[in-house]
Amino acid sequence: MDDAEHSFRKALEVAREQEARMWELRAACDLAQMLRDHGRWAEARDLLAPIHGWFSEGFDVKELQRAKTLLDGLSYLASSAYERHRPCSSVPDSAGPTSTISREGAAWARHRVCRCGRSGPFRPG
C-alpha cells in the first residue's frame, strides 16, 4: 500500500469513528478514484457502492453526484462491453448487472487509456 492509499484509508477510518457519513463518502470517492486509476475497478466499486447506498435523499448534493458518476464508470468497466476490449490489465470480475450509466461516467470509461498505451473509445465488439 502506498502513502496515498494509506492516507485515504486512514481518512475513511476517522470518518467512520466520528460517524461522519458525508466525510466517509468523500474519502471513499477519493480512494475509489485512485483505485480505478490503478485498474482496481472491482475493489473500487465494492468500496464505494455500500457507502453510496446508505443515502436515501439529497442526491442533488455534489458529493453524491460525484459518487454516482464514479460508480457508473466502475460499472461500465466491469461490464461485458468493456471486457470485450481486453485491455492489457486484467479485467475485474463482474458483480452482477450493470446499472444505468450517466453520461459523465460512460465518457470517462469509454475514453480510458489502457496500460498498453492504446486509448478508447472502447466499444462492444
Protein backbone atom coordinates (compact mmCIF):
# COMPACT_ATOMS: atom_id res chain seq x y z
CA MET A 1 0.00 0.00 0.00
CA ASP A 2 1.45 3.35 -0.98
CA ASP A 3 1.29 6.55 1.06
CA ALA A 4 -1.72 7.96 -0.78
CA GLU A 5 -3.78 4.81 -0.32
CA HIS A 6 -2.79 4.65 3.35
CA SER A 7 -3.88 8.26 3.84
CA PHE A 8 -7.26 7.68 2.16
CA ARG A 9 -7.88 4.55 4.27
CA LYS A 10 -6.96 6.50 7.41
CA ALA A 11 -9.43 9.25 6.41
CA LEU A 12 -12.13 6.57 5.98
CA GLU A 13 -11.32 5.15 9.41
CA VAL A 14 -11.53 8.56 11.10
CA ALA A 15 -14.81 9.41 9.36
CA ARG A 16 -16.28 6.06 10.47
CA GLU A 17 -15.17 6.63 14.05
CA GLN A 18 -16.85 10.04 14.02
CA GLU A 19 -19.93 8.67 12.22
CA ALA A 20 -19.50 11.43 9.64
CA ARG A 21 -21.23 9.86 6.63
CA MET A 22 -20.58 12.63 4.14
CA TRP A 23 -16.88 12.76 5.05
CA GLU A 24 -16.75 8.99 4.71
CA LEU A 25 -18.34 9.27 1.26
CA ARG A 26 -15.82 11.91 0.24
CA ALA A 27 -12.86 9.79 1.41
CA ALA A 28 -14.34 6.71 -0.28
CA CYS A 29 -14.73 8.63 -3.55
CA ASP A 30 -11.12 9.76 -3.42
CA LEU A 31 -9.85 6.26 -2.64
CA ALA A 32 -12.13 4.66 -5.26
CA GLN A 33 -10.89 7.11 -7.88
CA MET A 34 -7.29 6.24 -7.08
CA LEU A 35 -8.06 2.51 -7.18
CA ARG A 36 -9.86 2.98 -10.52
CA ASP A 37 -6.86 4.78 -11.95
CA HIS A 38 -4.69 1.81 -10.94
CA GLY A 39 -7.00 -0.70 -12.63
CA ARG A 40 -8.52 -1.99 -9.37
CA TRP A 41 -12.10 -1.42 -10.56
CA ALA A 42 -13.90 -4.17 -8.65
CA GLU A 43 -12.21 -3.16 -5.40
CA ALA A 44 -13.14 0.49 -6.01
CA ARG A 45 -16.77 -0.39 -6.79
CA ASP A 46 -17.03 -2.71 -3.77
CA LEU A 47 -15.69 0.04 -1.50
CA LEU A 48 -17.92 2.83 -2.79
CA ALA A 49 -21.24 1.09 -3.52
CA PRO A 50 -22.29 0.32 0.07
CA ILE A 51 -21.34 3.79 1.30
CA HIS A 52 -23.30 5.44 -1.52
CA GLY A 53 -26.17 3.06 -0.74
CA TRP A 54 -26.60 4.49 2.77
CA PHE A 55 -28.05 7.69 1.36
CA SER A 56 -31.76 7.82 0.61
CA GLU A 57 -32.08 11.53 -0.12
CA GLY A 58 -30.03 14.56 -1.05
CA PHE A 59 -28.95 13.24 -4.43
CA ASP A 60 -28.56 16.80 -5.69
CA VAL A 61 -25.55 17.21 -3.33
CA LYS A 62 -22.25 17.43 -5.21
CA GLU A 63 -20.55 14.55 -3.35
CA LEU A 64 -23.44 12.16 -4.01
CA GLN A 65 -23.46 13.12 -7.68
CA ARG A 66 -19.70 12.53 -7.82
CA ALA A 67 -20.11 9.11 -6.18
CA LYS A 68 -22.87 8.15 -8.64
CA THR A 69 -20.77 9.19 -11.64
CA LEU A 70 -17.81 7.23 -10.31
CA LEU A 71 -19.95 4.14 -9.65
CA ASP A 72 -21.42 4.36 -13.14
CA GLY A 73 -17.95 4.41 -14.67
CA LEU A 74 -16.85 1.49 -12.49
CA SER A 75 -19.95 -0.48 -13.51
CA TYR A 76 -19.09 0.13 -17.16
CA LEU A 77 -15.51 -1.01 -16.64
CA ALA A 78 -16.77 -4.25 -15.11
CA SER A 79 -19.40 -4.79 -17.82
CA SER A 80 -19.09 -7.17 -20.73
CA ALA A 81 -18.84 -4.23 -23.18
CA TYR A 82 -15.56 -3.10 -21.64
CA GLU A 83 -14.44 -6.68 -21.13
CA ARG A 84 -14.55 -7.26 -24.90
CA HIS A 85 -11.80 -4.66 -25.34
CA ARG A 86 -9.47 -6.94 -23.40
CA PRO A 87 -7.00 -4.31 -22.22
CA CYS A 88 -3.55 -5.40 -21.14
CA SER A 89 -4.51 -5.12 -17.47
CA SER A 90 -6.72 -7.82 -16.03
CA VAL A 91 -10.45 -7.30 -16.28
CA PRO A 92 -12.33 -7.42 -12.96
CA ASP A 93 -14.96 -9.99 -12.15
CA SER A 94 -18.44 -8.79 -12.97
CA ALA A 95 -20.55 -8.19 -9.87
CA GLY A 96 -23.94 -8.54 -11.46
CA PRO A 97 -25.98 -6.47 -13.86
CA THR A 98 -24.75 -3.10 -14.98
CA SER A 99 -26.63 -0.13 -13.59
CA THR A 100 -27.87 2.76 -15.69
CA ILE A 101 -24.80 4.77 -16.52
CA SER A 102 -24.56 8.53 -16.51
CA ARG A 103 -23.13 10.38 -19.48
CA GLU A 104 -20.09 11.51 -17.49
CA GLY A 105 -19.34 8.01 -16.16
CA ALA A 106 -19.67 6.45 -19.60
CA ALA A 107 -17.49 9.12 -21.19
CA TRP A 108 -14.69 8.51 -18.69
CA ALA A 109 -14.86 4.74 -19.05
CA ARG A 110 -15.02 4.80 -22.86
CA HIS A 111 -12.00 7.07 -23.15
CA ARG A 112 -9.75 5.39 -20.61
CA VAL A 113 -6.17 4.77 -21.68
CA CYS A 114 -5.17 1.11 -21.49
CA ARG A 115 -1.92 0.18 -19.78
CA CYS A 116 -0.56 -0.79 -23.21
CA GLY A 117 -0.97 2.87 -24.26
CA ARG A 118 -3.93 2.19 -26.51
CA SER A 119 -6.77 4.57 -25.77
CA GLY A 120 -10.57 4.39 -26.16
CA PRO A 121 -13.21 4.75 -27.11
CA PHE A 122 -13.74 1.12 -26.16
CA ARG A 123 -16.88 -0.17 -27.79
CA PRO A 124 -18.63 -3.53 -27.69
CA GLY A 125 -17.18 -5.90 -30.26
